[in-house]
Amino acid sequence: PEPANTHEAPPAWGGHDFYNVPAMYGIFRVANSWRV
């Protein structure tokens, strides 16, 4: 399942509101990985 199939798709990487949508709640990008 792509991220959009789980929740609202996040905006483009680096955008101002990238982490402010439910899809990215509790998830952060660290180097070449996603961290919960």
PDB file of all heavy atoms in Angstrom:
ATOM      1  N   PRO A   1       0.819  -1.204   0.000  1.00  0.00           N
ATOM      2  CA  PRO A   1       0.000   0.000   0.000  1.00  0.00           C
ATOM      3  C   PRO A   1       0.852   1.253   0.000  1.00  0.00           C
ATOM      4  O   PRO A   1       1.786   1.378   0.779  1.00  0.00           O
ATOM      5  CB  PRO A   1      -0.820  -0.121   1.302  1.00  0.00           C
ATOM      6  CG  PRO A   1      -0.010  -1.009   2.160  1.00  0.00           C
ATOM      7  CD  PRO A   1       0.688  -1.966   1.242  1.00  0.00           C
ATOM      8  N   GLU A   2       0.579   2.165  -0.908  1.00  0.00           N
ATOM      9  CA  GLU A   2       1.291   3.434  -0.929  1.00  0.00           C
ATOM     10  C   GLU A   2       0.814   4.299   0.236  1.00  0.00           C
ATOM     11  O   GLU A   2      -0.261   4.083   0.779  1.00  0.00           O
ATOM     12  CB  GLU A   2       1.016   4.161  -2.252  1.00  0.00           C
ATOM     13  CG  GLU A   2       1.691   3.505  -3.443  1.00  0.00           C
ATOM     14  CD  GLU A   2       3.206   3.590  -3.356  1.00  0.00           C
ATOM     15  OE1 GLU A   2       3.701   4.639  -2.921  1.00  0.00           O
ATOM     16  OE2 GLU A   2       3.875   2.618  -3.703  1.00  0.00           O
ATOM     17  N   PRO A   3       1.597   5.298   0.642  1.00  0.00           N
ATOM     18  CA  PRO A   3       1.187   6.164   1.751  1.00  0.00           C
ATOM     19  C   PRO A   3      -0.209   6.751   1.577  1.00  0.00           C
ATOM     20  O   PRO A   3      -0.954   6.857   2.519  1.00  0.00           O
ATOM     21  CB  PRO A   3       2.270   7.254   1.730  1.00  0.00           C
ATOM     22  CG  PRO A   3       3.471   6.585   1.151  1.00  0.00           C
ATOM     23  CD  PRO A   3       2.920   5.603   0.137  1.00  0.00           C
ATOM     24  N   ALA A   4      -0.586   7.083   0.320  1.00  0.00           N
ATOM     25  CA  ALA A   4      -1.903   7.684   0.097  1.00  0.00           C
ATOM     26  C   ALA A   4      -3.034   6.711   0.382  1.00  0.00           C
ATOM     27  O   ALA A   4      -4.143   7.114   0.650  1.00  0.00           O
ATOM     28  CB  ALA A   4      -2.002   8.179  -1.348  1.00  0.00           C
ATOM     29  N   ASN A   5      -2.750   5.408   0.339  1.00  0.00           N
ATOM     30  CA  ASN A   5      -3.781   4.416   0.622  1.00  0.00           C
ATOM     31  C   ASN A   5      -3.979   4.220   2.121  1.00  0.00           C
ATOM     32  O   ASN A   5      -4.941   3.613   2.548  1.00  0.00           O
ATOM     33  CB  ASN A   5      -3.408   3.070  -0.016  1.00  0.00           C
ATOM     34  CG  ASN A   5      -3.439   3.150  -1.530  1.00  0.00           C
ATOM     35  OD1 ASN A   5      -4.080   4.022  -2.086  1.00  0.00           O
ATOM     36  ND2 ASN A   5      -2.720   2.258  -2.181  1.00  0.00           N
ATOM     37  N   THR A   6      -3.027   4.675   2.897  1.00  0.00           N
ATOM     38  CA  THR A   6      -3.116   4.544   4.344  1.00  0.00           C
ATOM     39  C   THR A   6      -3.845   5.740   4.948  1.00  0.00           C
ATOM     40  O   THR A   6      -4.766   5.604   5.718  1.00  0.00           O
ATOM     41  CB  THR A   6      -1.712   4.443   4.968  1.00  0.00           C
ATOM     42  OG1 THR A   6      -1.017   3.372   4.335  1.00  0.00           O
ATOM     43  CG2 THR A   6      -1.806   4.186   6.453  1.00  0.00           C
ATOM     44  N   HIS A   7      -3.405   6.927   4.570  1.00  0.00           N
ATOM     45  CA  HIS A   7      -4.008   8.167   5.041  1.00  0.00           C
ATOM     46  C   HIS A   7      -3.855   9.224   3.962  1.00  0.00           C
ATOM     47  O   HIS A   7      -3.398   8.940   2.864  1.00  0.00           O
ATOM     48  CB  HIS A   7      -3.338   8.643   6.337  1.00  0.00           C
ATOM     49  CG  HIS A   7      -3.400   7.645   7.436  1.00  0.00           C
ATOM     50  ND1 HIS A   7      -4.580   7.196   7.975  1.00  0.00           N
ATOM     51  CD2 HIS A   7      -2.417   6.965   8.079  1.00  0.00           C
ATOM     52  CE1 HIS A   7      -4.327   6.307   8.913  1.00  0.00           C
ATOM     53  NE2 HIS A   7      -3.035   6.142   8.986  1.00  0.00           N
ATOM     54  N   GLU A   8      -4.196  10.417   4.321  1.00  0.00           N
ATOM     55  CA  GLU A   8      -4.006  11.551   3.417  1.00  0.00           C
ATOM     56  C   GLU A   8      -2.539  11.633   3.007  1.00  0.00           C
ATOM     57  O   GLU A   8      -1.643  11.557   3.836  1.00  0.00           O
ATOM     58  CB  GLU A   8      -4.426  12.830   4.159  1.00  0.00           C
ATOM     59  CG  GLU A   8      -4.145  14.118   3.397  1.00  0.00           C
ATOM     60  CD  GLU A   8      -4.433  15.321   4.268  1.00  0.00           C
ATOM     61  OE1 GLU A   8      -4.994  15.127   5.368  1.00  0.00           O
ATOM     62  OE2 GLU A   8      -4.108  16.433   3.853  1.00  0.00           O
ATOM     63  N   ALA A   9      -2.290  11.769   1.719  1.00  0.00           N
ATOM     64  CA  ALA A   9      -0.913  11.805   1.229  1.00  0.00           C
ATOM     65  C   ALA A   9      -0.217  13.082   1.685  1.00  0.00           C
ATOM     66  O   ALA A   9      -0.810  14.160   1.671  1.00  0.00           O
ATOM     67  CB  ALA A   9      -0.898  11.734  -0.290  1.00  0.00           C
ATOM     68  N   PRO A  10       1.051  12.990   2.085  1.00  0.00           N
ATOM     69  CA  PRO A  10       1.785  14.191   2.496  1.00  0.00           C
ATOM     70  C   PRO A  10       2.118  15.055   1.296  1.00  0.00           C
ATOM     71  O   PRO A  10       2.193  14.567   0.175  1.00  0.00           O
ATOM     72  CB  PRO A  10       3.052  13.617   3.131  1.00  0.00           C
ATOM     73  CG  PRO A  10       3.244  12.301   2.455  1.00  0.00           C
ATOM     74  CD  PRO A  10       1.861  11.777   2.209  1.00  0.00           C
ATOM     75  N   PRO A  11       2.334  16.358   1.514  1.00  0.00           N
ATOM     76  CA  PRO A  11       2.770  17.226   0.425  1.00  0.00           C
ATOM     77  C   PRO A  11       4.157  16.814  -0.053  1.00  0.00           C
ATOM     78  O   PRO A  11       4.772  15.906   0.498  1.00  0.00           O
ATOM     79  CB  PRO A  11       2.789  18.621   1.070  1.00  0.00           C
ATOM     80  CG  PRO A  11       1.974  18.488   2.311  1.00  0.00           C
ATOM     81  CD  PRO A  11       2.143  17.070   2.763  1.00  0.00           C
ATOM     82  N   ALA A  12       4.660  17.494  -1.037  1.00  0.00           N
ATOM     83  CA  ALA A  12       5.986  17.170  -1.575  1.00  0.00           C
ATOM     84  C   ALA A  12       7.039  17.296  -0.474  1.00  0.00           C
ATOM     85  O   ALA A  12       6.952  18.155   0.403  1.00  0.00           O
ATOM     86  CB  ALA A  12       6.309  18.101  -2.735  1.00  0.00           C
ATOM     87  N   TRP A  13       8.037  16.409  -0.542  1.00  0.00           N
ATOM     88  CA  TRP A  13       9.112  16.421   0.463  1.00  0.00           C
ATOM     89  C   TRP A  13       9.751  17.797   0.524  1.00  0.00           C
ATOM     90  O   TRP A  13      10.073  18.400  -0.499  1.00  0.00           O
ATOM     91  CB  TRP A  13      10.152  15.366   0.105  1.00  0.00           C
ATOM     92  CG  TRP A  13      11.460  15.569   0.794  1.00  0.00           C
ATOM     93  CD1 TRP A  13      12.640  15.941   0.236  1.00  0.00           C
ATOM     94  CD2 TRP A  13      11.723  15.433   2.187  1.00  0.00           C
ATOM     95  NE1 TRP A  13      13.618  16.036   1.171  1.00  0.00           N
ATOM     96  CE2 TRP A  13      13.087  15.728   2.393  1.00  0.00           C
ATOM     97  CE3 TRP A  13      10.933  15.097   3.287  1.00  0.00           C
ATOM     98  CZ2 TRP A  13      13.667  15.698   3.644  1.00  0.00           C
ATOM     99  CZ3 TRP A  13      11.526  15.063   4.537  1.00  0.00           C
ATOM    100  CH2 TRP A  13      12.871  15.354   4.703  1.00  0.00           C
ATOM    101  N   GLY A  14       9.927  18.291   1.738  1.00  0.00           N
ATOM    102  CA  GLY A  14      10.554  19.582   1.938  1.00  0.00           C
ATOM    103  C   GLY A  14       9.565  20.720   2.033  1.00  0.00           C
ATOM    104  O   GLY A  14       9.934  21.842   2.346  1.00  0.00           O
ATOM    105  N   GLY A  15       8.278  20.459   1.728  1.00  0.00           N
ATOM    106  CA  GLY A  15       7.273  21.505   1.816  1.00  0.00           C
ATOM    107  C   GLY A  15       7.032  21.927   3.262  1.00  0.00           C
ATOM    108  O   GLY A  15       7.324  21.186   4.209  1.00  0.00           O
ATOM    109  N   HIS A  16       6.464  23.114   3.422  1.00  0.00           N
ATOM    110  CA  HIS A  16       6.260  23.667   4.762  1.00  0.00           C
ATOM    111  C   HIS A  16       5.351  22.795   5.614  1.00  0.00           C
ATOM    112  O   HIS A  16       5.545  22.660   6.822  1.00  0.00           O
ATOM    113  CB  HIS A  16       5.675  25.077   4.644  1.00  0.00           C
ATOM    114  CG  HIS A  16       5.397  25.727   5.973  1.00  0.00           C
ATOM    115  ND1 HIS A  16       6.399  26.166   6.817  1.00  0.00           N
ATOM    116  CD2 HIS A  16       4.220  25.990   6.613  1.00  0.00           C
ATOM    117  CE1 HIS A  16       5.851  26.681   7.914  1.00  0.00           C
ATOM    118  NE2 HIS A  16       4.534  26.584   7.810  1.00  0.00           N
ATOM    119  N   ASP A  17       4.340  22.177   4.993  1.00  0.00           N
ATOM    120  CA  ASP A  17       3.346  21.395   5.737  1.00  0.00           C
ATOM    121  C   ASP A  17       3.573  19.893   5.635  1.00  0.00           C
ATOM    122  O   ASP A  17       2.666  19.100   5.884  1.00  0.00           O
ATOM    123  CB  ASP A  17       1.940  21.720   5.232  1.00  0.00           C
ATOM    124  CG  ASP A  17       1.566  23.168   5.500  1.00  0.00           C
ATOM    125  OD1 ASP A  17       1.975  23.695   6.547  1.00  0.00           O
ATOM    126  OD2 ASP A  17       0.872  23.760   4.657  1.00  0.00           O
ATOM    127  N   PHE A  18       4.797  19.481   5.304  1.00  0.00           N
ATOM    128  CA  PHE A  18       5.055  18.055   5.053  1.00  0.00           C
ATOM    129  C   PHE A  18       4.690  17.187   6.246  1.00  0.00           C
ATOM    130  O   PHE A  18       4.099  16.121   6.100  1.00  0.00           O
ATOM    131  CB  PHE A  18       6.530  17.853   4.709  1.00  0.00           C
ATOM    132  CG  PHE A  18       6.873  16.438   4.339  1.00  0.00           C
ATOM    133  CD1 PHE A  18       6.576  15.943   3.075  1.00  0.00           C
ATOM    134  CD2 PHE A  18       7.475  15.586   5.245  1.00  0.00           C
ATOM    135  CE1 PHE A  18       6.876  14.646   2.727  1.00  0.00           C
ATOM    136  CE2 PHE A  18       7.777  14.280   4.905  1.00  0.00           C
ATOM    137  CZ  PHE A  18       7.481  13.815   3.641  1.00  0.00           C
ATOM    138  N   TYR A  19       5.052  17.609   7.482  1.00  0.00           N
ATOM    139  CA  TYR A  19       4.814  16.785   8.663  1.00  0.00           C
ATOM    140  C   TYR A  19       3.498  17.106   9.369  1.00  0.00           C
ATOM    141  O   TYR A  19       3.214  16.549  10.417  1.00  0.00           O
ATOM    142  CB  TYR A  19       5.970  16.949   9.662  1.00  0.00           C
ATOM    143  CG  TYR A  19       7.260  16.329   9.189  1.00  0.00           C
ATOM    144  CD1 TYR A  19       8.360  17.116   8.901  1.00  0.00           C
ATOM    145  CD2 TYR A  19       7.380  14.952   9.028  1.00  0.00           C
ATOM    146  CE1 TYR A  19       9.552  16.553   8.464  1.00  0.00           C
ATOM    147  CE2 TYR A  19       8.553  14.377   8.594  1.00  0.00           C
ATOM    148  CZ  TYR A  19       9.642  15.180   8.318  1.00  0.00           C
ATOM    149  OH  TYR A  19      10.812  14.607   7.887  1.00  0.00           O
ATOM    150  N   ASN A  20       2.705  18.017   8.807  1.00  0.00           N
ATOM    151  CA  ASN A  20       1.508  18.471   9.502  1.00  0.00           C
ATOM    152  C   ASN A  20       0.238  17.758   9.070  1.00  0.00           C
ATOM    153  O   ASN A  20      -0.852  18.176   9.445  1.00  0.00           O
ATOM    154  CB  ASN A  20       1.333  19.984   9.303  1.00  0.00           C
ATOM    155  CG  ASN A  20       2.448  20.772   9.979  1.00  0.00           C
ATOM    156  OD1 ASN A  20       3.047  20.300  10.947  1.00  0.00           O
ATOM    157  ND2 ASN A  20       2.722  21.952   9.477  1.00  0.00           N
ATOM    158  N   VAL A  21       0.342  16.706   8.283  1.00  0.00           N
ATOM    159  CA  VAL A  21      -0.832  15.938   7.880  1.00  0.00           C
ATOM    160  C   VAL A  21      -0.851  14.630   8.671  1.00  0.00           C
ATOM    161  O   VAL A  21       0.195  14.156   9.124  1.00  0.00           O
ATOM    162  CB  VAL A  21      -0.813  15.650   6.360  1.00  0.00           C
ATOM    163  CG1 VAL A  21      -0.920  16.946   5.578  1.00  0.00           C
ATOM    164  CG2 VAL A  21       0.434  14.876   5.962  1.00  0.00           C
ATOM    165  N   PRO A  22      -2.038  14.030   8.868  1.00  0.00           N
ATOM    166  CA  PRO A  22      -2.114  12.782   9.641  1.00  0.00           C
ATOM    167  C   PRO A  22      -1.199  11.679   9.119  1.00  0.00           C
ATOM    168  O   PRO A  22      -0.701  10.865   9.895  1.00  0.00           O
ATOM    169  CB  PRO A  22      -3.587  12.390   9.508  1.00  0.00           C
ATOM    170  CG  PRO A  22      -4.296  13.690   9.331  1.00  0.00           C
ATOM    171  CD  PRO A  22      -3.372  14.535   8.507  1.00  0.00           C
ATOM    172  N   ALA A  23      -0.956  11.657   7.800  1.00  0.00           N
ATOM    173  CA  ALA A  23      -0.107  10.612   7.231  1.00  0.00           C
ATOM    174  C   ALA A  23       1.284  10.609   7.849  1.00  0.00           C
ATOM    175  O   ALA A  23       1.928   9.568   7.952  1.00  0.00           O
ATOM    176  CB  ALA A  23      -0.002  10.785   5.713  1.00  0.00           C
ATOM    177  N   MET A  24       1.760  11.775   8.286  1.00  0.00           N
ATOM    178  CA  MET A  24       3.130  11.868   8.802  1.00  0.00           C
ATOM    179  C   MET A  24       3.177  12.000  10.318  1.00  0.00           C
ATOM    180  O   MET A  24       4.244  12.277  10.872  1.00  0.00           O
ATOM    181  CB  MET A  24       3.845  13.070   8.142  1.00  0.00           C
ATOM    182  CG  MET A  24       3.930  12.991   6.632  1.00  0.00           C
ATOM    183  SD  MET A  24       4.597  11.426   6.025  1.00  0.00           S
ATOM    184  CE  MET A  24       6.224  11.450   6.766  1.00  0.00           C
ATOM    185  N   TYR A  25       2.062  11.817  10.989  1.00  0.00           N
ATOM    186  CA  TYR A  25       2.060  11.909  12.451  1.00  0.00           C
ATOM    187  C   TYR A  25       3.023  10.893  13.063  1.00  0.00           C
ATOM    188  O   TYR A  25       2.945   9.698  12.791  1.00  0.00           O
ATOM    189  CB  TYR A  25       0.651  11.674  12.987  1.00  0.00           C
ATOM    190  CG  TYR A  25       0.591  11.432  14.478  1.00  0.00           C
ATOM    191  CD1 TYR A  25       1.092  12.365  15.372  1.00  0.00           C
ATOM    192  CD2 TYR A  25       0.044  10.254  14.988  1.00  0.00           C
ATOM    193  CE1 TYR A  25       1.051  12.142  16.730  1.00  0.00           C
ATOM    194  CE2 TYR A  25      -0.009  10.030  16.347  1.00  0.00           C
ATOM    195  CZ  TYR A  25       0.497  10.976  17.214  1.00  0.00           C
ATOM    196  OH  TYR A  25       0.457  10.743  18.562  1.00  0.00           O
ATOM    197  N   GLY A  26       3.945  11.359  13.876  1.00  0.00           N
ATOM    198  CA  GLY A  26       4.894  10.483  14.559  1.00  0.00           C
ATOM    199  C   GLY A  26       5.983   9.933  13.674  1.00  0.00           C
ATOM    200  O   GLY A  26       6.743   9.061  14.107  1.00  0.00           O
ATOM    201  N   ILE A  27       6.081  10.407  12.425  1.00  0.00           N
ATOM    202  CA  ILE A  27       7.070   9.888  11.481  1.00  0.00           C
ATOM    203  C   ILE A  27       7.985  11.022  11.032  1.00  0.00           C
ATOM    204  O   ILE A  27       7.517  12.109  10.685  1.00  0.00           O
ATOM    205  CB  ILE A  27       6.382   9.256  10.254  1.00  0.00           C
ATOM    206  CG1 ILE A  27       5.495   8.095  10.698  1.00  0.00           C
ATOM    207  CG2 ILE A  27       7.412   8.780   9.230  1.00  0.00           C
ATOM    208  CD1 ILE A  27       4.699   7.469   9.566  1.00  0.00           C
ATOM    209  N   PHE A  28       9.287  10.752  11.054  1.00  0.00           N
ATOM    210  CA  PHE A  28      10.274  11.754  10.683  1.00  0.00           C
ATOM    211  C   PHE A  28      11.314  11.122   9.760  1.00  0.00           C
ATOM    212  O   PHE A  28      11.587   9.930   9.830  1.00  0.00           O
ATOM    213  CB  PHE A  28      10.968  12.312  11.930  1.00  0.00           C
ATOM    214  CG  PHE A  28      10.016  12.752  12.995  1.00  0.00           C
ATOM    215  CD1 PHE A  28       9.610  11.864  13.993  1.00  0.00           C
ATOM    216  CD2 PHE A  28       9.491  14.028  13.004  1.00  0.00           C
ATOM    217  CE1 PHE A  28       8.710  12.247  14.970  1.00  0.00           C
ATOM    218  CE2 PHE A  28       8.590  14.425  13.978  1.00  0.00           C
ATOM    219  CZ  PHE A  28       8.198  13.527  14.961  1.00  0.00           C
ATOM    220  N   ARG A  29      11.887  11.946   8.914  1.00  0.00           N
ATOM    221  CA  ARG A  29      12.932  11.459   8.025  1.00  0.00           C
ATOM    222  C   ARG A  29      14.283  11.719   8.657  1.00  0.00           C
ATOM    223  O   ARG A  29      14.601  12.839   9.046  1.00  0.00           O
ATOM    224  CB  ARG A  29      12.844  12.140   6.658  1.00  0.00           C
ATOM    225  CG  ARG A  29      13.919  11.659   5.684  1.00  0.00           C
ATOM    226  CD  ARG A  29      13.616  12.101   4.276  1.00  0.00           C
ATOM    227  NE  ARG A  29      14.695  11.720   3.378  1.00  0.00           N
ATOM    228  CZ  ARG A  29      14.570  11.617   2.067  1.00  0.00           C
ATOM    229  NH1 ARG A  29      13.404  11.863   1.499  1.00  0.00           N
ATOM    230  NH2 ARG A  29      15.586  11.280   1.307  1.00  0.00           N
ATOM    231  N   VAL A  30      15.092  10.661   8.755  1.00  0.00           N
ATOM    232  CA  VAL A  30      16.448  10.762   9.302  1.00  0.00           C
ATOM    233  C   VAL A  30      17.383  10.112   8.296  1.00  0.00           C
ATOM    234  O   VAL A  30      17.321   8.893   8.087  1.00  0.00           O
ATOM    235  CB  VAL A  30      16.565  10.062  10.666  1.00  0.00           C
ATOM    236  CG1 VAL A  30      17.986  10.191  11.203  1.00  0.00           C
ATOM    237  CG2 VAL A  30      15.566  10.641  11.653  1.00  0.00           C
ATOM    238  N   ALA A  31      18.243  10.919   7.665  1.00  0.00           N
ATOM    239  CA  ALA A  31      19.157  10.421   6.637  1.00  0.00           C
ATOM    240  C   ALA A  31      18.352   9.647   5.588  1.00  0.00           C
ATOM    241  O   ALA A  31      17.367  10.154   5.060  1.00  0.00           O
ATOM    242  CB  ALA A  31      20.256   9.577   7.256  1.00  0.00           C
ATOM    243  N   ASN A  32      18.715   8.406   5.319  1.00  0.00           N
ATOM    244  CA  ASN A  32      18.018   7.602   4.312  1.00  0.00           C
ATOM    245  C   ASN A  32      17.067   6.603   4.953  1.00  0.00           C
ATOM    246  O   ASN A  32      17.063   5.414   4.621  1.00  0.00           O
ATOM    247  CB  ASN A  32      19.046   6.878   3.432  1.00  0.00           C
ATOM    248  CG  ASN A  32      19.851   7.836   2.586  1.00  0.00           C
ATOM    249  OD1 ASN A  32      19.316   8.801   2.042  1.00  0.00           O
ATOM    250  ND2 ASN A  32      21.149   7.604   2.496  1.00  0.00           N
ATOM    251  N   SER A  33      16.252   7.088   5.864  1.00  0.00           N
ATOM    252  CA  SER A  33      15.275   6.225   6.524  1.00  0.00           C
ATOM    253  C   SER A  33      14.138   7.062   7.090  1.00  0.00           C
ATOM    254  O   SER A  33      14.266   8.279   7.270  1.00  0.00           O
ATOM    255  CB  SER A  33      15.951   5.428   7.649  1.00  0.00           C
ATOM    256  OG  SER A  33      16.400   6.305   8.677  1.00  0.00           O
ATOM    257  N   TRP A  34      13.012   6.392   7.354  1.00  0.00           N
ATOM    258  CA  TRP A  34      11.898   6.996   8.077  1.00  0.00           C
ATOM    259  C   TRP A  34      11.929   6.474   9.505  1.00  0.00           C
ATOM    260  O   TRP A  34      12.164   5.293   9.726  1.00  0.00           O
ATOM    261  CB  TRP A  34      10.560   6.632   7.432  1.00  0.00           C
ATOM    262  CG  TRP A  34      10.371   7.169   6.047  1.00  0.00           C
ATOM    263  CD1 TRP A  34      10.403   6.472   4.880  1.00  0.00           C
ATOM    264  CD2 TRP A  34      10.120   8.530   5.693  1.00  0.00           C
ATOM    265  NE1 TRP A  34      10.197   7.309   3.812  1.00  0.00           N
ATOM    266  CE2 TRP A  34      10.013   8.589   4.287  1.00  0.00           C
ATOM    267  CE3 TRP A  34       9.971   9.712   6.423  1.00  0.00           C
ATOM    268  CZ2 TRP A  34       9.763   9.771   3.587  1.00  0.00           C
ATOM    269  CZ3 TRP A  34       9.727  10.893   5.737  1.00  0.00           C
ATOM    270  CH2 TRP A  34       9.625  10.906   4.340  1.00  0.00           C
ATOM    271  N   ARG A  35      11.697   7.349  10.463  1.00  0.00           N
ATOM    272  CA  ARG A  35      11.729   6.959  11.872  1.00  0.00           C
ATOM    273  C   ARG A  35      10.383   7.238  12.519  1.00  0.00           C
ATOM    274  O   ARG A  35       9.835   8.338  12.414  1.00  0.00           O
ATOM    275  CB  ARG A  35      12.826   7.708  12.627  1.00  0.00           C
ATOM    276  CG  ARG A  35      12.871   7.394  14.124  1.00  0.00           C
ATOM    277  CD  ARG A  35      13.998   8.113  14.801  1.00  0.00           C
ATOM    278  NE  ARG A  35      15.290   7.613  14.362  1.00  0.00           N
ATOM    279  CZ  ARG A  35      16.459   8.113  14.759  1.00  0.00           C
ATOM    280  NH1 ARG A  35      16.489   9.141  15.590  1.00  0.00           N
ATOM    281  NH2 ARG A  35      17.585   7.596  14.312  1.00  0.00           N
ATOM    282  N   VAL A  36       9.855   6.220  13.202  1.00  0.00           N
ATOM    283  CA  VAL A  36       8.630   6.378  13.990  1.00  0.00           C
ATOM    284  C   VAL A  36       9.051   6.629  15.437  1.00  0.00           C
ATOM    285  O   VAL A  36       9.837   5.869  16.006  1.00  0.00           O
ATOM    286  CB  VAL A  36       7.753   5.118  13.906  1.00  0.00           C
ATOM    287  CG1 VAL A  36       6.521   5.273  14.797  1.00  0.00           C
ATOM    288  CG2 VAL A  36       7.331   4.851  12.465  1.00  0.00           C
TER     289      VAL A  36
END
